[in-house]
N, C-alpha and C. Protein backbone atom coordinates (compact mmCIF):
# COMPACT_ATOMS: atom_id res chain seq x y z
N UNK A 1 0.84 -1.18 0.00
CA UNK A 1 0.00 0.00 0.00
C UNK A 1 0.89 1.24 0.00
N UNK A 2 0.65 2.13 -0.96
CA UNK A 2 1.49 3.32 -1.05
C UNK A 2 0.97 4.43 -0.15
N UNK A 3 1.88 5.30 0.23
CA UNK A 3 1.54 6.45 1.08
C UNK A 3 0.88 7.53 0.23
N UNK A 4 -0.19 8.13 0.73
CA UNK A 4 -0.89 9.18 0.00
C UNK A 4 -0.06 10.46 0.05
N UNK A 5 0.13 11.08 -1.11
CA UNK A 5 0.87 12.33 -1.18
C UNK A 5 0.00 13.49 -0.71
N UNK A 6 0.61 14.37 0.06
CA UNK A 6 -0.11 15.55 0.55
C UNK A 6 -0.30 16.56 -0.57
N UNK A 7 -1.42 17.24 -0.55
CA UNK A 7 -1.70 18.32 -1.50
C UNK A 7 -1.53 19.63 -0.73
N UNK A 8 -0.67 20.51 -1.23
CA UNK A 8 -0.35 21.75 -0.55
C UNK A 8 -0.81 22.95 -1.35
N UNK A 9 -1.60 23.81 -0.74
CA UNK A 9 -2.04 25.05 -1.37
C UNK A 9 -0.94 26.10 -1.27
N UNK A 10 -0.80 26.91 -2.31
CA UNK A 10 0.25 27.91 -2.38
C UNK A 10 -0.35 29.30 -2.59
N UNK A 11 0.02 30.24 -1.74
CA UNK A 11 -0.35 31.63 -1.91
C UNK A 11 0.89 32.47 -1.59
N UNK A 12 1.58 32.98 -2.62
CA UNK A 12 2.75 33.83 -2.36
C UNK A 12 2.37 35.07 -1.57
N UNK A 13 3.32 35.64 -0.87
CA UNK A 13 3.09 36.84 -0.07
C UNK A 13 2.63 38.02 -0.92
N UNK A 14 2.96 38.01 -2.20
CA UNK A 14 2.58 39.10 -3.10
C UNK A 14 1.13 39.02 -3.56
N UNK A 15 0.45 37.93 -3.23
CA UNK A 15 -0.91 37.69 -3.73
C UNK A 15 -1.95 37.89 -2.63
N UNK A 16 -3.14 38.30 -3.04
CA UNK A 16 -4.26 38.39 -2.11
C UNK A 16 -4.91 37.02 -1.99
N UNK A 17 -5.74 36.86 -0.99
CA UNK A 17 -6.52 35.63 -0.86
C UNK A 17 -7.47 35.56 -2.04
N UNK A 18 -7.58 34.40 -2.69
CA UNK A 18 -8.50 34.30 -3.82
C UNK A 18 -9.92 34.68 -3.43
N UNK A 19 -10.70 35.21 -4.40
CA UNK A 19 -12.06 35.67 -4.10
C UNK A 19 -13.08 34.53 -3.95
N UNK A 20 -12.67 33.31 -4.23
CA UNK A 20 -13.54 32.15 -4.10
C UNK A 20 -12.70 31.01 -3.52
N UNK A 21 -13.29 29.85 -3.33
CA UNK A 21 -12.58 28.73 -2.71
C UNK A 21 -11.70 28.01 -3.73
N UNK A 22 -10.53 28.61 -4.00
CA UNK A 22 -9.51 27.98 -4.83
C UNK A 22 -8.15 28.47 -4.38
N UNK A 23 -7.12 27.82 -4.86
CA UNK A 23 -5.75 28.18 -4.49
C UNK A 23 -5.05 28.82 -5.68
N UNK A 24 -4.11 29.71 -5.42
CA UNK A 24 -3.30 30.28 -6.50
C UNK A 24 -2.45 29.19 -7.14
N UNK A 25 -2.07 28.22 -6.34
CA UNK A 25 -1.32 27.08 -6.85
C UNK A 25 -1.50 25.90 -5.91
N UNK A 26 -1.32 24.70 -6.45
CA UNK A 26 -1.41 23.49 -5.65
C UNK A 26 -0.29 22.57 -6.08
N UNK A 27 0.42 22.04 -5.08
CA UNK A 27 1.47 21.06 -5.37
C UNK A 27 1.11 19.74 -4.70
N UNK A 28 1.26 18.67 -5.47
CA UNK A 28 1.07 17.32 -4.95
C UNK A 28 2.18 16.48 -5.55
N UNK A 29 3.07 15.98 -4.69
CA UNK A 29 4.23 15.25 -5.19
C UNK A 29 5.07 16.18 -6.05
N UNK A 30 5.37 15.73 -7.27
CA UNK A 30 6.20 16.56 -8.14
C UNK A 30 5.38 17.34 -9.17
N UNK A 31 4.06 17.41 -8.98
CA UNK A 31 3.18 18.14 -9.88
C UNK A 31 2.76 19.46 -9.23
N UNK A 32 2.86 20.53 -9.97
CA UNK A 32 2.47 21.86 -9.48
C UNK A 32 1.56 22.50 -10.52
N UNK A 33 0.35 22.81 -10.12
CA UNK A 33 -0.60 23.51 -10.99
C UNK A 33 -0.74 24.94 -10.49
N UNK A 34 -0.50 25.89 -11.38
CA UNK A 34 -0.68 27.30 -11.07
C UNK A 34 -2.02 27.73 -11.65
N UNK A 35 -2.90 28.26 -10.80
CA UNK A 35 -4.19 28.77 -11.25
C UNK A 35 -3.98 29.98 -12.16
N UNK A 36 -5.00 30.31 -12.92
CA UNK A 36 -4.91 31.48 -13.79
C UNK A 36 -4.53 32.72 -13.01
N UNK A 37 -3.48 33.38 -13.49
CA UNK A 37 -3.00 34.61 -12.87
C UNK A 37 -3.25 35.75 -13.85
N UNK A 38 -3.50 36.92 -13.31
CA UNK A 38 -3.74 38.11 -14.11
C UNK A 38 -2.74 39.20 -13.71
N UNK A 39 -2.85 40.36 -14.35
CA UNK A 39 -1.89 41.44 -14.14
C UNK A 39 -2.16 42.33 -12.96
N UNK A 40 -2.54 41.74 -11.83
CA UNK A 40 -2.69 42.51 -10.60
C UNK A 40 -1.31 42.73 -9.99
N UNK A 41 -1.09 43.95 -9.48
CA UNK A 41 0.15 44.24 -8.78
C UNK A 41 0.17 43.56 -7.42
N UNK A 42 1.30 43.66 -6.72
CA UNK A 42 1.41 43.04 -5.40
C UNK A 42 0.29 43.48 -4.46
N UNK A 43 -0.09 42.56 -3.59
CA UNK A 43 -1.19 42.80 -2.66
C UNK A 43 -0.86 43.95 -1.71
N UNK A 44 -1.86 44.79 -1.47
CA UNK A 44 -1.77 45.87 -0.49
C UNK A 44 -2.94 45.66 0.46
N UNK A 45 -2.61 45.47 1.73
CA UNK A 45 -3.66 45.17 2.71
C UNK A 45 -4.72 46.26 2.72
N UNK A 46 -5.97 45.81 2.70
CA UNK A 46 -7.09 46.72 2.75
C UNK A 46 -7.52 47.28 1.41
N UNK A 47 -6.80 46.91 0.34
CA UNK A 47 -7.15 47.40 -0.99
C UNK A 47 -7.48 46.24 -1.90
N UNK A 48 -8.46 46.45 -2.75
CA UNK A 48 -8.82 45.43 -3.74
C UNK A 48 -7.71 45.38 -4.80
N UNK A 49 -7.42 44.20 -5.33
CA UNK A 49 -6.41 44.12 -6.38
C UNK A 49 -6.85 44.86 -7.64
N UNK A 50 -5.89 45.50 -8.29
CA UNK A 50 -6.17 46.23 -9.53
C UNK A 50 -5.09 45.92 -10.56
N UNK A 51 -5.43 46.00 -11.85
CA UNK A 51 -4.43 45.78 -12.89
C UNK A 51 -3.31 46.82 -12.79
N UNK A 52 -2.09 46.42 -13.16
CA UNK A 52 -0.94 47.31 -13.07
C UNK A 52 -0.98 48.44 -14.09
N UNK A 53 -1.77 48.28 -15.10
CA UNK A 53 -1.89 49.33 -16.12
C UNK A 53 -2.90 48.92 -17.17
N UNK A 54 -3.20 49.84 -18.05
CA UNK A 54 -4.22 49.54 -19.06
C UNK A 54 -3.69 48.78 -20.26
N UNK A 55 -2.37 48.72 -20.44
CA UNK A 55 -1.79 48.14 -21.65
C UNK A 55 -1.44 46.67 -21.54
N UNK A 56 -1.35 46.02 -22.68
CA UNK A 56 -1.04 44.60 -22.73
C UNK A 56 0.37 44.31 -22.20
N UNK A 57 1.36 45.14 -22.54
CA UNK A 57 2.75 44.89 -22.10
C UNK A 57 2.85 44.83 -20.59
N UNK A 58 2.39 45.86 -19.89
CA UNK A 58 2.55 45.87 -18.43
C UNK A 58 1.72 44.76 -17.78
N UNK A 59 0.54 44.49 -18.31
CA UNK A 59 -0.27 43.41 -17.73
C UNK A 59 0.35 42.05 -17.99
N UNK A 60 0.92 41.85 -19.18
CA UNK A 60 1.55 40.55 -19.48
C UNK A 60 2.77 40.33 -18.59
N UNK A 61 3.61 41.33 -18.46
CA UNK A 61 4.81 41.18 -17.62
C UNK A 61 4.44 40.93 -16.16
N UNK A 62 3.41 41.61 -15.66
CA UNK A 62 2.98 41.38 -14.28
C UNK A 62 2.35 40.00 -14.14
N UNK A 63 1.58 39.58 -15.13
CA UNK A 63 0.96 38.25 -15.10
C UNK A 63 2.03 37.18 -15.06
N UNK A 64 3.06 37.31 -15.88
CA UNK A 64 4.17 36.34 -15.87
C UNK A 64 4.89 36.36 -14.52
N UNK A 65 5.07 37.54 -13.94
CA UNK A 65 5.69 37.64 -12.61
C UNK A 65 4.82 36.95 -11.57
N UNK A 66 3.50 37.07 -11.69
CA UNK A 66 2.60 36.43 -10.73
C UNK A 66 2.63 34.91 -10.88
N UNK A 67 2.69 34.41 -12.11
CA UNK A 67 2.82 32.96 -12.33
C UNK A 67 4.14 32.49 -11.73
N UNK A 68 5.21 33.23 -11.99
CA UNK A 68 6.52 32.84 -11.48
C UNK A 68 6.55 32.82 -9.95
N UNK A 69 5.85 33.75 -9.30
CA UNK A 69 5.79 33.79 -7.83
C UNK A 69 5.15 32.51 -7.29
N UNK A 70 4.11 32.02 -7.95
CA UNK A 70 3.47 30.78 -7.51
C UNK A 70 4.39 29.59 -7.79
N UNK A 71 5.03 29.58 -8.94
CA UNK A 71 6.00 28.50 -9.23
C UNK A 71 7.06 28.45 -8.13
N UNK A 72 7.63 29.59 -7.80
CA UNK A 72 8.68 29.65 -6.77
C UNK A 72 8.15 29.19 -5.41
N UNK A 73 6.93 29.60 -5.07
CA UNK A 73 6.34 29.19 -3.79
C UNK A 73 6.20 27.68 -3.71
N UNK A 74 6.08 27.03 -4.87
CA UNK A 74 5.96 25.58 -4.92
C UNK A 74 7.27 24.87 -5.17
N UNK A 75 8.39 25.62 -5.16
CA UNK A 75 9.70 25.02 -5.37
C UNK A 75 10.05 24.78 -6.83
N UNK A 76 9.39 25.49 -7.73
CA UNK A 76 9.61 25.30 -9.16
C UNK A 76 10.13 26.59 -9.81
N UNK A 77 10.44 26.47 -11.09
CA UNK A 77 10.87 27.62 -11.89
C UNK A 77 10.28 27.45 -13.29
N UNK A 78 10.56 28.42 -14.15
CA UNK A 78 10.09 28.31 -15.53
C UNK A 78 10.67 27.08 -16.22
N UNK A 79 11.84 26.64 -15.80
CA UNK A 79 12.45 25.45 -16.39
C UNK A 79 11.61 24.20 -16.13
N UNK A 80 10.80 24.22 -15.07
CA UNK A 80 9.94 23.08 -14.73
C UNK A 80 8.58 23.14 -15.41
N UNK A 81 8.26 24.28 -16.01
CA UNK A 81 6.95 24.46 -16.64
C UNK A 81 6.82 23.57 -17.87
N UNK A 82 5.75 22.80 -17.92
CA UNK A 82 5.49 21.91 -19.05
C UNK A 82 4.43 22.49 -19.98
N UNK A 83 3.49 23.24 -19.42
CA UNK A 83 2.37 23.75 -20.19
C UNK A 83 1.93 25.10 -19.66
N UNK A 84 1.74 26.05 -20.56
CA UNK A 84 1.16 27.34 -20.22
C UNK A 84 -0.09 27.52 -21.06
N UNK A 85 -1.12 28.02 -20.41
CA UNK A 85 -2.34 28.36 -21.13
C UNK A 85 -2.53 29.86 -21.01
N UNK A 86 -2.67 30.50 -22.15
CA UNK A 86 -2.79 31.95 -22.22
C UNK A 86 -4.20 32.28 -22.67
N UNK A 87 -4.80 33.22 -21.96
CA UNK A 87 -6.15 33.67 -22.27
C UNK A 87 -6.07 35.16 -22.59
N UNK A 88 -6.38 35.52 -23.83
CA UNK A 88 -6.37 36.91 -24.26
C UNK A 88 -7.80 37.36 -24.51
N UNK A 89 -8.06 38.65 -24.30
CA UNK A 89 -9.41 39.16 -24.50
C UNK A 89 -9.62 39.69 -25.91
N UNK A 90 -8.55 39.84 -26.69
CA UNK A 90 -8.67 40.45 -28.02
C UNK A 90 -7.73 39.74 -28.99
N UNK A 91 -8.27 39.24 -30.09
CA UNK A 91 -7.44 38.54 -31.08
C UNK A 91 -6.38 39.48 -31.67
N UNK A 92 -6.64 40.77 -31.65
CA UNK A 92 -5.67 41.74 -32.17
C UNK A 92 -4.41 41.83 -31.30
N UNK A 93 -4.45 41.29 -30.09
CA UNK A 93 -3.30 41.33 -29.18
C UNK A 93 -2.31 40.18 -29.41
N UNK A 94 -2.65 39.22 -30.26
CA UNK A 94 -1.84 38.01 -30.39
C UNK A 94 -0.40 38.31 -30.79
N UNK A 95 -0.18 39.09 -31.82
CA UNK A 95 1.19 39.38 -32.29
C UNK A 95 1.99 40.12 -31.22
N UNK A 96 1.38 41.15 -30.61
CA UNK A 96 2.08 41.89 -29.55
C UNK A 96 2.39 40.98 -28.37
N UNK A 97 1.43 40.14 -28.00
CA UNK A 97 1.66 39.22 -26.89
C UNK A 97 2.85 38.31 -27.21
N UNK A 98 2.91 37.77 -28.42
CA UNK A 98 4.02 36.89 -28.79
C UNK A 98 5.37 37.59 -28.70
N UNK A 99 5.43 38.86 -29.09
CA UNK A 99 6.68 39.63 -28.98
C UNK A 99 7.12 39.75 -27.52
N UNK A 100 6.19 40.09 -26.64
CA UNK A 100 6.48 40.22 -25.21
C UNK A 100 6.90 38.87 -24.64
N UNK A 101 6.16 37.84 -24.97
CA UNK A 101 6.39 36.47 -24.49
C UNK A 101 7.77 35.97 -24.95
N UNK A 102 8.08 36.13 -26.24
CA UNK A 102 9.36 35.67 -26.76
C UNK A 102 10.54 36.39 -26.10
N UNK A 103 10.42 37.69 -25.88
CA UNK A 103 11.49 38.44 -25.22
C UNK A 103 11.64 37.97 -23.77
N UNK A 104 10.52 37.74 -23.08
CA UNK A 104 10.55 37.32 -21.68
C UNK A 104 11.27 35.98 -21.52
N UNK A 105 11.03 35.06 -22.44
CA UNK A 105 11.60 33.72 -22.33
C UNK A 105 12.86 33.53 -23.18
N UNK A 106 13.44 34.60 -23.71
CA UNK A 106 14.61 34.50 -24.59
C UNK A 106 15.79 33.79 -23.94
N UNK A 107 15.96 33.93 -22.64
CA UNK A 107 17.12 33.33 -21.96
C UNK A 107 16.83 31.95 -21.38
N UNK A 108 15.64 31.41 -21.62
CA UNK A 108 15.30 30.09 -21.11
C UNK A 108 16.27 29.07 -21.70
N UNK A 109 16.91 28.28 -20.83
CA UNK A 109 17.94 27.35 -21.28
C UNK A 109 17.38 26.04 -21.81
N UNK A 110 16.28 25.57 -21.24
CA UNK A 110 15.69 24.30 -21.68
C UNK A 110 14.62 24.55 -22.72
N UNK A 111 14.06 23.48 -23.25
CA UNK A 111 12.97 23.60 -24.20
C UNK A 111 11.84 24.40 -23.57
N UNK A 112 11.23 25.29 -24.35
CA UNK A 112 10.11 26.06 -23.78
C UNK A 112 8.91 25.16 -23.50
N UNK A 113 8.07 25.63 -22.60
CA UNK A 113 6.84 24.90 -22.27
C UNK A 113 5.93 24.88 -23.49
N UNK A 114 5.08 23.88 -23.57
CA UNK A 114 4.02 23.88 -24.56
C UNK A 114 3.07 25.03 -24.20
N UNK A 115 2.33 25.52 -25.21
CA UNK A 115 1.45 26.66 -24.93
C UNK A 115 0.19 26.57 -25.78
N UNK A 116 -0.91 26.93 -25.16
CA UNK A 116 -2.19 27.09 -25.84
C UNK A 116 -2.65 28.51 -25.60
N UNK A 117 -3.19 29.15 -26.63
CA UNK A 117 -3.73 30.50 -26.48
C UNK A 117 -5.19 30.48 -26.93
N UNK A 118 -6.05 31.00 -26.09
CA UNK A 118 -7.47 31.10 -26.42
C UNK A 118 -7.95 32.52 -26.12
N UNK A 119 -9.12 32.85 -26.64
CA UNK A 119 -9.68 34.18 -26.46
C UNK A 119 -10.92 34.07 -25.59
N UNK A 120 -10.98 34.93 -24.58
CA UNK A 120 -12.03 34.85 -23.56
C UNK A 120 -12.48 36.24 -23.14
N UNK A 121 -13.53 36.28 -22.35
CA UNK A 121 -13.93 37.50 -21.66
C UNK A 121 -13.33 37.45 -20.26
N UNK A 122 -12.73 38.52 -19.83
CA UNK A 122 -12.18 38.64 -18.47
C UNK A 122 -12.85 39.83 -17.79
N UNK A 123 -12.75 39.93 -16.46
CA UNK A 123 -13.31 41.10 -15.78
C UNK A 123 -12.78 42.41 -16.38
N UNK A 124 -13.56 43.45 -16.27
CA UNK A 124 -13.23 44.76 -16.84
C UNK A 124 -11.80 45.18 -16.52
N UNK A 125 -11.09 45.63 -17.54
CA UNK A 125 -9.74 46.13 -17.38
C UNK A 125 -8.65 45.10 -17.53
N UNK A 126 -8.99 43.81 -17.46
CA UNK A 126 -7.98 42.75 -17.59
C UNK A 126 -7.88 42.29 -19.05
N UNK A 127 -6.65 42.15 -19.55
CA UNK A 127 -6.43 41.80 -20.95
C UNK A 127 -5.85 40.41 -21.14
N UNK A 128 -5.23 39.85 -20.08
CA UNK A 128 -4.53 38.57 -20.23
C UNK A 128 -4.59 37.80 -18.92
N UNK A 129 -4.66 36.49 -19.05
CA UNK A 129 -4.59 35.57 -17.91
C UNK A 129 -3.73 34.39 -18.36
N UNK A 130 -2.91 33.87 -17.44
CA UNK A 130 -2.04 32.74 -17.75
C UNK A 130 -2.06 31.75 -16.61
N UNK A 131 -2.19 30.46 -16.93
CA UNK A 131 -1.99 29.41 -15.92
C UNK A 131 -0.87 28.52 -16.38
N UNK A 132 -0.37 27.67 -15.48
CA UNK A 132 0.78 26.84 -15.79
C UNK A 132 0.72 25.50 -15.07
N UNK A 133 1.34 24.51 -15.70
CA UNK A 133 1.52 23.20 -15.11
C UNK A 133 3.02 22.93 -15.10
N UNK A 134 3.55 22.59 -13.94
CA UNK A 134 4.98 22.29 -13.81
C UNK A 134 5.16 20.90 -13.23
N UNK A 135 6.24 20.26 -13.63
CA UNK A 135 6.62 18.96 -13.10
C UNK A 135 8.04 19.11 -12.56
N UNK A 136 8.23 18.80 -11.28
CA UNK A 136 9.53 18.95 -10.64
C UNK A 136 10.23 17.61 -10.54
N UNK A 137 11.56 17.63 -10.62
CA UNK A 137 12.34 16.41 -10.40
C UNK A 137 12.27 15.39 -11.49
């Protein structure tokens, strides 16, 4: 009989408590799932989270930083990421998003993660959301 692996919820110090019953990230064994992250700046006590700016560039960079914070909280890095799912609100943002994304990951030493991009509706002011799946070890 094998021992059951513990499931650990992850909330980096830079993040607010989620608005519903979910975790920013969950690690079980060597699997780490990062919930969809958006371009909210670091948490400020007593204030509702807000996007870092109106543009795709600043929101994308903050969203990637938020995903990375959850990866780190779970003992992972971008090198451990196997899959990223990108949610954009406007098909016209695809080329600009790819430019930002390619520059961000230009120094990645291992093979890049697989990626899916879809178009969705997000709460007002948000342009991008990204989630990730990482495998450690």
